[in-house]
Amino acid sequence: MNKKDPLVRKSMLDQAVKAILKGMDKLIGQTGENLRGEIKNAKSELRSEFKTELGFVRDDIKGLTAELSDTPSKREFNELKSRVDKYHPAS
């Protein structure tokens, strides 16, 4: 040890440890807040994308429903076929 080096006293060491721990707490607290904010943003973006994709699915379903709305059901087709066959039997 050099005689010019100051002695480190327990009180100085305690102050340094407290300052380091205080800085770490602040850093961890800020990181936690930033992480919470990023999670909220990610949730919001996912919700928005999900709503958009769900809108496309709804539009597809509406389009298919519209296409099929003028198609007779099997029962309706069979009733019509029997009426046609009654008046115009196959030869």
Protein backbone atom coordinates (compact mmCIF):
# COMPACT_ATOMS: atom_id res chain seq x y z
CA MET A 1 0.00 0.00 0.00
CA ASN A 2 1.31 3.42 -0.95
CA LYS A 3 1.36 6.03 1.81
CA LYS A 4 -0.20 8.56 -0.57
CA ASP A 5 -3.33 6.37 -1.07
CA PRO A 6 -6.15 7.42 1.23
CA LEU A 7 -7.44 4.85 3.66
CA VAL A 8 -10.84 3.45 2.93
CA ARG A 9 -12.93 3.64 6.03
CA LYS A 10 -16.02 1.56 6.74
CA SER A 11 -18.26 4.63 6.47
CA MET A 12 -16.83 5.40 3.01
CA LEU A 13 -17.40 1.81 1.94
CA ASP A 14 -20.97 1.88 3.30
CA GLN A 15 -21.68 5.07 1.35
CA ALA A 16 -20.29 3.56 -1.85
CA VAL A 17 -22.36 0.38 -1.41
CA LYS A 18 -25.52 2.41 -0.72
CA ALA A 19 -24.92 4.55 -3.82
CA ILE A 20 -24.35 1.47 -5.99
CA LEU A 21 -27.47 -0.26 -4.64
CA LYS A 22 -29.53 2.90 -5.09
CA GLY A 23 -28.35 3.17 -8.70
CA MET A 24 -29.15 -0.50 -9.32
CA ASP A 25 -32.65 -0.05 -7.85
CA LYS A 26 -33.22 2.93 -10.11
CA LEU A 27 -31.93 1.07 -13.16
CA ILE A 28 -34.04 -2.01 -12.44
CA GLY A 29 -37.10 0.16 -11.78
CA GLN A 30 -36.71 1.98 -15.09
CA THR A 31 -36.13 -1.28 -16.94
CA GLY A 32 -39.26 -2.74 -15.35
CA GLU A 33 -41.34 0.28 -16.35
CA ASN A 34 -39.97 0.17 -19.90
CA LEU A 35 -40.69 -3.54 -20.11
CA ARG A 36 -44.27 -3.03 -18.89
CA GLY A 37 -44.74 -0.32 -21.51
CA GLU A 38 -43.38 -2.55 -24.27
CA ILE A 39 -45.66 -5.40 -23.20
CA LYS A 40 -48.68 -3.07 -23.29
CA ASN A 41 -47.71 -1.85 -26.76
CA ALA A 42 -47.21 -5.42 -28.01
CA LYS A 43 -50.61 -6.44 -26.63
CA SER A 44 -52.24 -3.47 -28.30
CA GLU A 45 -50.58 -4.24 -31.64
CA LEU A 46 -51.57 -7.91 -31.44
CA ARG A 47 -55.15 -6.99 -30.57
CA SER A 48 -55.27 -4.62 -33.55
CA GLU A 49 -53.82 -7.24 -35.92
CA PHE A 50 -56.23 -9.86 -34.60
CA LYS A 51 -59.20 -7.55 -35.16
CA THR A 52 -58.01 -6.86 -38.71
CA GLU A 53 -57.56 -10.56 -39.50
CA LEU A 54 -60.88 -11.37 -37.89
CA GLY A 55 -62.48 -8.71 -40.10
CA PHE A 56 -61.10 -10.46 -43.18
CA VAL A 57 -62.50 -13.77 -41.98
CA ARG A 58 -65.90 -12.17 -41.36
CA ASP A 59 -65.86 -10.68 -44.86
CA ASP A 60 -64.98 -14.08 -46.34
CA ILE A 61 -67.85 -15.70 -44.44
CA LYS A 62 -70.27 -13.00 -45.60
CA GLY A 63 -69.10 -13.51 -49.20
CA LEU A 64 -69.53 -17.27 -49.00
CA THR A 65 -72.94 -16.87 -47.39
CA ALA A 66 -74.01 -14.52 -50.18
CA GLU A 67 -72.75 -16.96 -52.82
CA LEU A 68 -74.59 -19.85 -51.23
CA SER A 69 -77.78 -17.96 -50.48
CA ASP A 70 -79.15 -18.54 -54.00
CA THR A 71 -78.18 -22.24 -54.00
CA PRO A 72 -81.13 -24.46 -53.09
CA SER A 73 -80.85 -26.88 -50.23
CA LYS A 74 -80.80 -30.61 -50.98
CA ARG A 75 -84.44 -30.87 -49.84
CA GLU A 76 -85.50 -28.00 -52.11
CA PHE A 77 -83.60 -29.52 -55.02
CA ASN A 78 -85.21 -32.93 -54.52
CA GLU A 79 -88.72 -31.39 -54.32
CA LEU A 80 -88.14 -29.49 -57.56
CA LYS A 81 -86.63 -32.57 -59.23
CA SER A 82 -89.64 -34.70 -58.27
CA ARG A 83 -92.02 -32.06 -59.69
CA VAL A 84 -90.05 -31.91 -62.95
CA ASP A 85 -89.87 -35.71 -63.16
CA LYS A 86 -93.63 -35.90 -62.56
CA TYR A 87 -94.45 -33.73 -65.57
CA HIS A 88 -91.47 -34.61 -67.73
CA PRO A 89 -90.46 -38.22 -67.01
CA ALA A 90 -87.11 -39.38 -68.32
CA SER A 91 -87.44 -41.63 -71.37
